[in-house]
Amino acid sequence: MAKKPTEYEVGYCKPPTHTRFQKGRSGNPKGRSKGTRNLATDLEEELGERIRVREGDRELSVSKQRAMVKTLVARALKGDARAATTLVALITKLLSPHLEEPKDTKLNPAQEETLADLIAILAGLAPDNNKD
């Protein structure tokens, strides 16, 4: 007599379904403990801490992140090529999505025809190339 495929077989390492998961008990008891934070959270908190920085004849209280940016800009202005490269890469990565897109996006008739041909080819409806 064959069992139904939906019927669950109880046996070794196969507990009954009503006792399989107990309320309040984790399925991964040795997993990450509560309150453990990840690297991004720790880094964000550490860079957000304020330190005292001397700038000229005055003392400022700035975040560590701000102090690092100030140092990077100062070194780039003094001629440090590595700092300048790092600064340009950082600016490109962080500020490029905010740059304005060109306002004039109209296509000329030749570009529109080429675009229509490409759309037709991609749709599987290749245009007739033997036009008279």
C-alpha atoms as a PDB file:
ATOM      1  CA  MET A   1       0.000   0.000   0.000  1.00  0.00           C
ATOM      2  CA  ALA A   2       1.622   3.253  -1.208  1.00  0.00           C
ATOM      3  CA  LYS A   3       1.529   6.331   1.001  1.00  0.00           C
ATOM      4  CA  LYS A   4       0.132   9.631  -0.196  1.00  0.00           C
ATOM      5  CA  PRO A   5       2.881  12.091  -1.241  1.00  0.00           C
ATOM      6  CA  THR A   6       1.412  14.730   1.101  1.00  0.00           C
ATOM      7  CA  GLU A   7       1.565  12.406   4.134  1.00  0.00           C
ATOM      8  CA  TYR A   8       4.580  13.087   6.388  1.00  0.00           C
ATOM      9  CA  GLU A   9       6.525  10.043   7.542  1.00  0.00           C
ATOM     10  CA  VAL A  10       7.522  10.146  11.225  1.00  0.00           C
ATOM     11  CA  GLY A  11      10.768   8.410  12.120  1.00  0.00           C
ATOM     12  CA  TYR A  12      14.438   8.936  12.858  1.00  0.00           C
ATOM     13  CA  CYS A  13      15.272  12.682  12.495  1.00  0.00           C
ATOM     14  CA  LYS A  14      11.677  13.283  11.390  1.00  0.00           C
ATOM     15  CA  PRO A  15       9.672  14.430  14.424  1.00  0.00           C
ATOM     16  CA  PRO A  16       5.892  14.785  14.326  1.00  0.00           C
ATOM     17  CA  THR A  17       4.879  18.148  12.825  1.00  0.00           C
ATOM     18  CA  HIS A  18       3.021  19.307  15.929  1.00  0.00           C
ATOM     19  CA  THR A  19       6.185  19.001  18.081  1.00  0.00           C
ATOM     20  CA  ARG A  20       8.776  20.025  15.506  1.00  0.00           C
ATOM     21  CA  PHE A  21       9.040  23.741  16.361  1.00  0.00           C
ATOM     22  CA  GLN A  22       8.676  24.861  19.949  1.00  0.00           C
ATOM     23  CA  LYS A  23       7.480  28.373  20.766  1.00  0.00           C
ATOM     24  CA  GLY A  24      10.199  30.715  21.957  1.00  0.00           C
ATOM     25  CA  ARG A  25      13.079  28.492  20.857  1.00  0.00           C
ATOM     26  CA  SER A  26      15.326  29.562  17.994  1.00  0.00           C
ATOM     27  CA  GLY A  27      15.934  27.298  15.045  1.00  0.00           C
ATOM     28  CA  ASN A  28      19.560  28.413  15.170  1.00  0.00           C
ATOM     29  CA  PRO A  29      20.492  28.457  18.874  1.00  0.00           C
ATOM     30  CA  LYS A  30      24.212  29.069  18.285  1.00  0.00           C
ATOM     31  CA  GLY A  31      23.551  31.852  15.765  1.00  0.00           C
ATOM     32  CA  ARG A  32      24.204  35.560  16.078  1.00  0.00           C
ATOM     33  CA  SER A  33      23.344  36.793  19.534  1.00  0.00           C
ATOM     34  CA  LYS A  34      20.916  39.662  19.995  1.00  0.00           C
ATOM     35  CA  GLY A  35      22.454  43.098  20.059  1.00  0.00           C
ATOM     36  CA  THR A  36      25.478  42.141  17.965  1.00  0.00           C
ATOM     37  CA  ARG A  37      26.108  44.847  15.405  1.00  0.00           C
ATOM     38  CA  ASN A  38      27.601  44.568  11.960  1.00  0.00           C
ATOM     39  CA  LEU A  39      30.689  46.311  10.577  1.00  0.00           C
ATOM     40  CA  ALA A  40      28.730  49.051   8.810  1.00  0.00           C
ATOM     41  CA  THR A  41      26.995  50.074  12.050  1.00  0.00           C
ATOM     42  CA  ASP A  42      30.265  50.108  13.988  1.00  0.00           C
ATOM     43  CA  LEU A  43      32.014  52.112  11.265  1.00  0.00           C
ATOM     44  CA  GLU A  44      29.166  54.615  11.055  1.00  0.00           C
ATOM     45  CA  GLU A  45      29.207  55.142  14.810  1.00  0.00           C
ATOM     46  CA  GLU A  46      32.997  55.473  14.970  1.00  0.00           C
ATOM     47  CA  LEU A  47      33.117  58.004  12.117  1.00  0.00           C
ATOM     48  CA  GLY A  48      30.292  59.964  13.726  1.00  0.00           C
ATOM     49  CA  GLU A  49      32.179  60.500  16.993  1.00  0.00           C
ATOM     50  CA  ARG A  50      33.340  64.062  17.526  1.00  0.00           C
ATOM     51  CA  ILE A  51      36.955  65.058  18.059  1.00  0.00           C
ATOM     52  CA  ARG A  52      38.705  68.373  18.650  1.00  0.00           C
ATOM     53  CA  VAL A  53      40.684  69.673  15.677  1.00  0.00           C
ATOM     54  CA  ARG A  54      42.971  72.684  15.606  1.00  0.00           C
ATOM     55  CA  GLU A  55      42.492  74.752  12.470  1.00  0.00           C
ATOM     56  CA  GLY A  56      44.719  77.808  12.411  1.00  0.00           C
ATOM     57  CA  ASP A  57      44.426  79.569  15.751  1.00  0.00           C
ATOM     58  CA  ARG A  58      41.038  78.142  16.701  1.00  0.00           C
ATOM     59  CA  GLU A  59      39.869  74.746  17.912  1.00  0.00           C
ATOM     60  CA  LEU A  60      36.823  73.055  16.364  1.00  0.00           C
ATOM     61  CA  SER A  61      34.751  70.061  17.341  1.00  0.00           C
ATOM     62  CA  VAL A  62      34.072  67.989  14.209  1.00  0.00           C
ATOM     63  CA  SER A  63      33.210  64.371  13.445  1.00  0.00           C
ATOM     64  CA  LYS A  64      36.024  61.982  12.589  1.00  0.00           C
ATOM     65  CA  GLN A  65      34.553  61.616   9.109  1.00  0.00           C
ATOM     66  CA  ARG A  66      34.676  65.390   8.597  1.00  0.00           C
ATOM     67  CA  ALA A  67      38.259  65.512   9.908  1.00  0.00           C
ATOM     68  CA  MET A  68      39.296  62.816   7.413  1.00  0.00           C
ATOM     69  CA  VAL A  69      37.705  64.711   4.529  1.00  0.00           C
ATOM     70  CA  LYS A  70      39.399  67.949   5.643  1.00  0.00           C
ATOM     71  CA  THR A  71      42.771  66.154   5.794  1.00  0.00           C
ATOM     72  CA  LEU A  72      42.258  64.580   2.362  1.00  0.00           C
ATOM     73  CA  VAL A  73      41.369  67.936   0.776  1.00  0.00           C
ATOM     74  CA  ALA A  74      44.307  69.675   2.476  1.00  0.00           C
ATOM     75  CA  ARG A  75      46.774  67.055   1.236  1.00  0.00           C
ATOM     76  CA  ALA A  76      45.339  67.212  -2.287  1.00  0.00           C
ATOM     77  CA  LEU A  77      45.725  71.006  -2.287  1.00  0.00           C
ATOM     78  CA  LYS A  78      49.359  70.669  -1.189  1.00  0.00           C
ATOM     79  CA  GLY A  79      50.086  68.539  -4.252  1.00  0.00           C
ATOM     80  CA  ASP A  80      49.768  64.978  -2.932  1.00  0.00           C
ATOM     81  CA  ALA A  81      48.863  63.021  -6.090  1.00  0.00           C
ATOM     82  CA  ARG A  82      47.491  60.011  -4.212  1.00  0.00           C
ATOM     83  CA  ALA A  83      45.199  62.212  -2.111  1.00  0.00           C
ATOM     84  CA  ALA A  84      44.030  64.065  -5.225  1.00  0.00           C
ATOM     85  CA  THR A  85      43.245  60.785  -7.003  1.00  0.00           C
ATOM     86  CA  THR A  86      41.356  59.491  -3.978  1.00  0.00           C
ATOM     87  CA  LEU A  87      39.423  62.746  -3.690  1.00  0.00           C
ATOM     88  CA  VAL A  88      38.444  62.767  -7.369  1.00  0.00           C
ATOM     89  CA  ALA A  89      37.320  59.126  -7.162  1.00  0.00           C
ATOM     90  CA  LEU A  90      35.273  59.905  -4.067  1.00  0.00           C
ATOM     91  CA  ILE A  91      33.659  62.927  -5.701  1.00  0.00           C
ATOM     92  CA  THR A  92      32.853  60.922  -8.829  1.00  0.00           C
ATOM     93  CA  LYS A  93      31.359  58.063  -6.841  1.00  0.00           C
ATOM     94  CA  LEU A  94      29.287  60.137  -4.445  1.00  0.00           C
ATOM     95  CA  LEU A  95      28.274  63.176  -6.462  1.00  0.00           C
ATOM     96  CA  SER A  96      27.812  61.865 -10.022  1.00  0.00           C
ATOM     97  CA  PRO A  97      24.175  60.697  -9.493  1.00  0.00           C
ATOM     98  CA  HIS A  98      23.279  64.237  -8.419  1.00  0.00           C
ATOM     99  CA  LEU A  99      24.670  65.902 -11.540  1.00  0.00           C
ATOM    100  CA  GLU A 100      22.111  67.312 -13.963  1.00  0.00           C
ATOM    101  CA  GLU A 101      21.270  65.394 -17.078  1.00  0.00           C
ATOM    102  CA  PRO A 102      21.288  67.265 -20.383  1.00  0.00           C
ATOM    103  CA  LYS A 103      17.945  68.931 -21.092  1.00  0.00           C
ATOM    104  CA  ASP A 104      18.035  68.423 -24.885  1.00  0.00           C
ATOM    105  CA  THR A 105      17.285  64.724 -25.430  1.00  0.00           C
ATOM    106  CA  LYS A 106      15.417  65.001 -28.745  1.00  0.00           C
ATOM    107  CA  LEU A 107      16.565  62.731 -31.539  1.00  0.00           C
ATOM    108  CA  ASN A 108      17.012  63.792 -35.126  1.00  0.00           C
ATOM    109  CA  PRO A 109      15.036  61.887 -37.830  1.00  0.00           C
ATOM    110  CA  ALA A 110      17.994  59.630 -38.729  1.00  0.00           C
ATOM    111  CA  GLN A 111      18.465  58.636 -35.092  1.00  0.00           C
ATOM    112  CA  GLU A 112      14.735  57.970 -34.707  1.00  0.00           C
ATOM    113  CA  GLU A 113      14.772  55.718 -37.795  1.00  0.00           C
ATOM    114  CA  THR A 114      17.796  53.785 -36.480  1.00  0.00           C
ATOM    115  CA  LEU A 115      16.124  53.408 -33.101  1.00  0.00           C
ATOM    116  CA  ALA A 116      12.912  52.155 -34.731  1.00  0.00           C
ATOM    117  CA  ASP A 117      14.914  49.591 -36.743  1.00  0.00           C
ATOM    118  CA  LEU A 118      16.683  48.371 -33.603  1.00  0.00           C
ATOM    119  CA  ILE A 119      13.397  48.029 -31.741  1.00  0.00           C
ATOM    120  CA  ALA A 120      11.939  46.067 -34.646  1.00  0.00           C
ATOM    121  CA  ILE A 121      14.967  43.762 -34.770  1.00  0.00           C
ATOM    122  CA  LEU A 122      14.824  43.147 -31.038  1.00  0.00           C
ATOM    123  CA  ALA A 123      11.112  42.443 -31.247  1.00  0.00           C
ATOM    124  CA  GLY A 124      11.760  39.836 -33.940  1.00  0.00           C
ATOM    125  CA  LEU A 125      10.068  41.892 -36.626  1.00  0.00           C
ATOM    126  CA  ALA A 126      13.108  42.780 -38.729  1.00  0.00           C
ATOM    127  CA  PRO A 127      12.359  45.600 -41.216  1.00  0.00           C
ATOM    128  CA  ASP A 128      12.451  44.943 -44.933  1.00  0.00           C
ATOM    129  CA  ASN A 129      15.976  45.890 -46.021  1.00  0.00           C
ATOM    130  CA  ASN A 130      15.128  45.646 -49.745  1.00  0.00           C
ATOM    131  CA  LYS A 131      13.258  48.944 -49.972  1.00  0.00           C
ATOM    132  CA  ASP A 132      12.916  50.335 -53.506  1.00  0.00           C
END
